[in-house]
Amino acid sequence: MDQVDAAQLYWSGGPFRVRLASPPGRFSSEALAKAVAVLEEFRAECHKSYFAFNGTLNGRLNALNAYREFFTSRSAMISAGTTLPDGEQRPGHSVIAQLTQGGLIDSLVEGVDFEDRQNKALVVMLYHRWDEWYRYRIGEVLGLRKHEVQCTLMGEVRRLRNLIVHENSLVPDDFSVPILSRVWGGIGTGYLVITDRMVHALMEQFNAILVEAG
């Protein structure tokens, strides 16, 4: 198996290929092949999750067009859920959410609230799948502990996940994620909005992920 320059930490063009770097002769070719297969499973998981995300993205844009057709006023309410013919509310047959029409339209447009929430949910979920499942499995096939399986990209995604979950997406002055900053064209301080374009750039990095083992 080819040895990978560990300094090559981000994808900048060319064919996609998951990469596993390890000390020469440390692992058998069979064990390395199994570890790469697990890494490819993680990439497939990212693809599956992205298709679910992409369906939601298309649904969001379709919903924007649909809601605009019967827009009456910004202050009028719009409801989601189901109701019985007589309007009686019962479990499983009820209005479960309401929003002003203006608030709904504003949140659905490109680059704002619903897009940001959806994209952050995808980032959090993919990091969880990596850290709680695939990282362990790579370690198992190589006879390593979890902390011996390192990935600079996923380390940055972990910091991003913690920022979203624990810091209300507020970027401090000392926040450092060099790979993400490079592919996203910089990350400023203040509230971080994750756009669809940023998710696309992150998926490109997942497609050529580099993991260091041992």
Protein backbone atom coordinates (compact mmCIF):
# COMPACT_ATOMS: atom_id res chain seq x y z
CA MET A 1 0.00 0.00 0.00
CA ASP A 2 1.27 3.45 -0.90
CA GLN A 3 2.55 5.56 1.94
CA VAL A 4 0.87 8.96 2.09
CA ASP A 5 2.56 12.22 2.94
CA ALA A 6 0.87 13.14 6.21
CA ALA A 7 1.38 16.83 5.39
CA GLN A 8 -1.12 16.50 2.54
CA LEU A 9 -4.08 17.29 4.72
CA TYR A 10 -6.70 18.58 2.32
CA TRP A 11 -8.04 17.75 -1.13
CA SER A 12 -7.28 20.36 -3.77
CA GLY A 13 -8.25 18.55 -6.97
CA GLY A 14 -7.77 15.26 -8.79
CA PRO A 15 -9.38 11.86 -8.25
CA PHE A 16 -11.08 11.16 -4.92
CA ARG A 17 -9.38 8.42 -2.89
CA VAL A 18 -9.55 7.65 0.81
CA ARG A 19 -6.06 7.46 2.29
CA LEU A 20 -4.55 5.62 5.24
CA ALA A 21 -1.05 6.51 6.42
CA SER A 22 0.89 4.21 8.76
CA PRO A 23 4.50 3.49 9.75
CA PRO A 24 6.19 1.26 7.13
CA GLY A 25 5.93 -2.42 8.05
CA ARG A 26 3.77 -1.80 11.14
CA PHE A 27 0.68 -3.61 9.78
CA SER A 28 0.10 -6.48 7.40
CA SER A 29 -1.24 -5.70 3.93
CA GLU A 30 -4.39 -7.67 4.84
CA ALA A 31 -5.03 -5.56 7.96
CA LEU A 32 -4.41 -2.34 6.02
CA ALA A 33 -6.81 -3.42 3.29
CA LYS A 34 -9.51 -4.10 5.91
CA ALA A 35 -8.89 -0.71 7.53
CA VAL A 36 -9.17 1.05 4.18
CA ALA A 37 -12.43 -0.85 3.54
CA VAL A 38 -13.83 0.53 6.81
CA LEU A 39 -12.71 4.02 5.81
CA GLU A 40 -14.50 3.56 2.49
CA GLU A 41 -17.61 2.53 4.46
CA PHE A 42 -17.38 5.83 6.32
CA ARG A 43 -17.22 7.69 3.02
CA ALA A 44 -20.27 5.72 1.85
CA GLU A 45 -22.04 6.73 5.09
CA CYS A 46 -21.22 10.37 4.30
CA HIS A 47 -22.69 9.90 0.83
CA LYS A 48 -25.87 8.32 2.20
CA SER A 49 -26.28 11.10 4.73
CA TYR A 50 -25.67 13.72 2.07
CA PHE A 51 -28.40 12.27 -0.15
CA ALA A 52 -30.80 12.50 2.79
CA PHE A 53 -29.60 16.06 3.32
CA ASN A 54 -29.92 16.82 -0.39
CA GLY A 55 -33.50 15.57 -0.39
CA THR A 56 -34.22 17.97 2.44
CA LEU A 57 -32.47 20.74 0.52
CA ASN A 58 -34.63 20.13 -2.55
CA GLY A 59 -37.70 19.91 -0.34
CA ARG A 60 -36.83 23.23 1.24
CA LEU A 61 -36.54 24.96 -2.11
CA ASN A 62 -39.72 23.30 -3.40
CA ALA A 63 -41.53 24.34 -0.23
CA LEU A 64 -40.40 27.94 -0.73
CA ASN A 65 -42.00 27.99 -4.18
CA ALA A 66 -45.15 26.23 -2.93
CA TYR A 67 -45.68 28.51 0.06
CA ARG A 68 -45.17 31.62 -2.04
CA GLU A 69 -48.16 30.64 -4.18
CA PHE A 70 -50.66 31.08 -1.36
CA PHE A 71 -48.85 33.82 0.57
CA THR A 72 -51.38 36.33 1.89
CA SER A 73 -49.52 38.50 4.38
CA ARG A 74 -46.38 38.42 6.48
CA SER A 75 -48.34 38.40 9.72
CA ALA A 76 -50.80 35.64 8.76
CA MET A 77 -50.11 32.29 10.44
CA ILE A 78 -49.37 29.03 8.64
CA SER A 79 -49.86 25.65 10.32
CA ALA A 80 -48.31 22.22 9.88
CA GLY A 81 -49.83 18.90 10.91
CA THR A 82 -53.19 17.23 10.42
CA THR A 83 -56.66 18.13 11.65
CA LEU A 84 -59.99 16.36 11.79
CA PRO A 85 -62.83 17.78 9.66
CA ASP A 86 -64.34 19.50 12.68
CA GLY A 87 -61.01 20.98 13.70
CA GLU A 88 -60.84 18.93 16.91
CA GLN A 89 -57.31 18.28 18.10
CA ARG A 90 -56.49 14.64 18.92
CA PRO A 91 -53.25 12.67 19.27
CA GLY A 92 -51.98 11.98 15.76
CA HIS A 93 -54.49 14.42 14.25
CA SER A 94 -53.43 17.87 15.34
CA VAL A 95 -51.66 21.07 14.40
CA ILE A 96 -48.12 20.61 15.71
CA ALA A 97 -46.38 23.81 14.56
CA GLN A 98 -47.28 27.35 13.55
CA LEU A 99 -45.26 30.19 12.09
CA THR A 100 -46.02 33.50 10.46
CA GLN A 101 -45.99 33.36 6.67
CA GLY A 102 -43.34 36.07 6.60
CA GLY A 103 -41.14 34.18 9.04
CA LEU A 104 -41.49 30.98 7.05
CA ILE A 105 -40.62 32.58 3.71
CA ASP A 106 -37.66 34.44 5.22
CA SER A 107 -36.26 31.26 6.79
CA LEU A 108 -36.56 29.16 3.61
CA VAL A 109 -34.57 31.38 1.27
CA GLU A 110 -30.99 30.47 0.39
CA GLY A 111 -28.26 31.11 2.93
CA VAL A 112 -30.35 31.80 6.03
CA ASP A 113 -31.89 30.10 9.03
CA PHE A 114 -33.30 26.78 7.80
CA GLU A 115 -30.24 26.14 5.61
CA ASP A 116 -27.91 26.85 8.53
CA ARG A 117 -29.82 24.57 10.94
CA GLN A 118 -29.98 21.74 8.44
CA ASN A 119 -26.27 21.95 7.57
CA LYS A 120 -25.19 22.03 11.20
CA ALA A 121 -27.29 18.95 11.94
CA LEU A 122 -25.47 17.12 9.13
CA VAL A 123 -22.04 18.11 10.50
CA VAL A 124 -22.94 16.97 14.02
CA MET A 125 -24.35 13.65 12.80
CA LEU A 126 -21.38 12.79 10.57
CA TYR A 127 -18.89 13.53 13.33
CA HIS A 128 -20.87 11.32 15.70
CA ARG A 129 -20.81 8.44 13.21
CA TRP A 130 -17.05 8.81 12.76
CA ASP A 131 -16.10 9.07 16.41
CA GLU A 132 -18.53 6.52 17.85
CA TRP A 133 -18.34 3.85 15.14
CA TYR A 134 -15.89 4.04 12.26
CA ARG A 135 -12.86 5.23 14.22
CA TYR A 136 -13.28 2.31 16.63
CA ARG A 137 -13.64 -0.18 13.78
CA ILE A 138 -10.46 1.00 12.06
CA GLY A 139 -8.67 0.59 15.38
CA GLU A 140 -10.07 -2.90 15.86
CA VAL A 141 -8.84 -4.26 12.52
CA LEU A 142 -5.37 -2.79 13.16
CA GLY A 143 -5.17 -3.75 16.84
CA LEU A 144 -5.09 -0.12 17.93
CA ARG A 145 -6.91 1.93 20.52
CA LYS A 146 -9.24 4.67 19.40
CA HIS A 147 -6.82 7.48 20.22
CA GLU A 148 -4.19 5.86 17.98
CA VAL A 149 -6.42 6.44 14.94
CA GLN A 150 -5.96 10.10 14.05
CA CYS A 151 -7.52 12.28 11.38
CA THR A 152 -6.70 15.98 11.20
CA LEU A 153 -9.84 16.74 9.20
CA MET A 154 -12.13 15.00 11.70
CA GLY A 155 -10.31 16.73 14.54
CA GLU A 156 -11.36 20.02 12.97
CA VAL A 157 -14.91 18.72 12.47
CA ARG A 158 -14.92 17.83 16.19
CA ARG A 159 -14.01 21.42 17.08
CA LEU A 160 -16.71 22.62 14.72
CA ARG A 161 -19.23 20.23 16.27
CA ASN A 162 -18.34 21.43 19.78
CA LEU A 163 -18.71 25.03 18.64
CA ILE A 164 -22.21 24.27 17.33
CA VAL A 165 -23.38 22.15 20.27
CA HIS A 166 -21.72 23.85 23.22
CA GLU A 167 -20.96 27.43 22.11
CA ASN A 168 -24.13 28.37 20.18
CA SER A 169 -22.03 28.61 16.97
CA LEU A 170 -20.16 31.65 18.29
CA VAL A 171 -16.60 31.63 16.94
CA PRO A 172 -14.00 32.89 19.44
CA ASP A 173 -10.81 34.73 18.46
CA ASP A 174 -8.64 31.64 19.07
CA PHE A 175 -10.77 29.19 17.01
CA SER A 176 -8.37 27.28 14.73
CA VAL A 177 -9.47 24.92 11.93
CA PRO A 178 -6.91 25.45 9.13
CA ILE A 179 -8.35 22.94 6.66
CA LEU A 180 -11.92 24.17 6.98
CA SER A 181 -10.78 27.79 6.91
CA ARG A 182 -8.92 27.13 3.68
CA VAL A 183 -11.74 25.34 1.85
CA TRP A 184 -14.37 27.75 3.19
CA GLY A 185 -12.42 30.89 2.33
CA GLY A 186 -11.90 31.83 5.97
CA ILE A 187 -13.92 31.68 9.20
CA GLY A 188 -14.47 34.96 10.98
CA THR A 189 -15.33 35.56 14.61
CA GLY A 190 -18.96 35.93 15.66
CA TYR A 191 -21.91 33.74 14.72
CA LEU A 192 -21.01 31.01 12.22
CA VAL A 193 -23.52 30.25 9.46
CA ILE A 194 -22.86 27.03 7.50
CA THR A 195 -24.10 27.34 3.93
CA ASP A 196 -24.81 24.68 1.31
CA ARG A 197 -21.63 25.74 -0.50
CA MET A 198 -19.62 25.05 2.67
CA VAL A 199 -21.19 21.60 3.00
CA HIS A 200 -20.18 20.87 -0.61
CA ALA A 201 -16.57 21.80 0.17
CA LEU A 202 -16.61 19.65 3.32
CA MET A 203 -17.95 16.66 1.39
CA GLU A 204 -15.05 17.00 -1.05
CA GLN A 205 -12.66 16.62 1.88
CA PHE A 206 -14.54 13.57 3.20
CA ASN A 207 -14.23 12.00 -0.25
CA ALA A 208 -10.43 12.16 -0.01
CA ILE A 209 -10.09 11.72 3.75
CA LEU A 210 -6.64 11.02 5.17
CA VAL A 211 -6.37 8.93 8.35
CA GLU A 212 -3.14 8.22 10.23
CA ALA A 213 -2.93 4.94 12.15
CA GLY A 214 -0.38 3.94 14.73
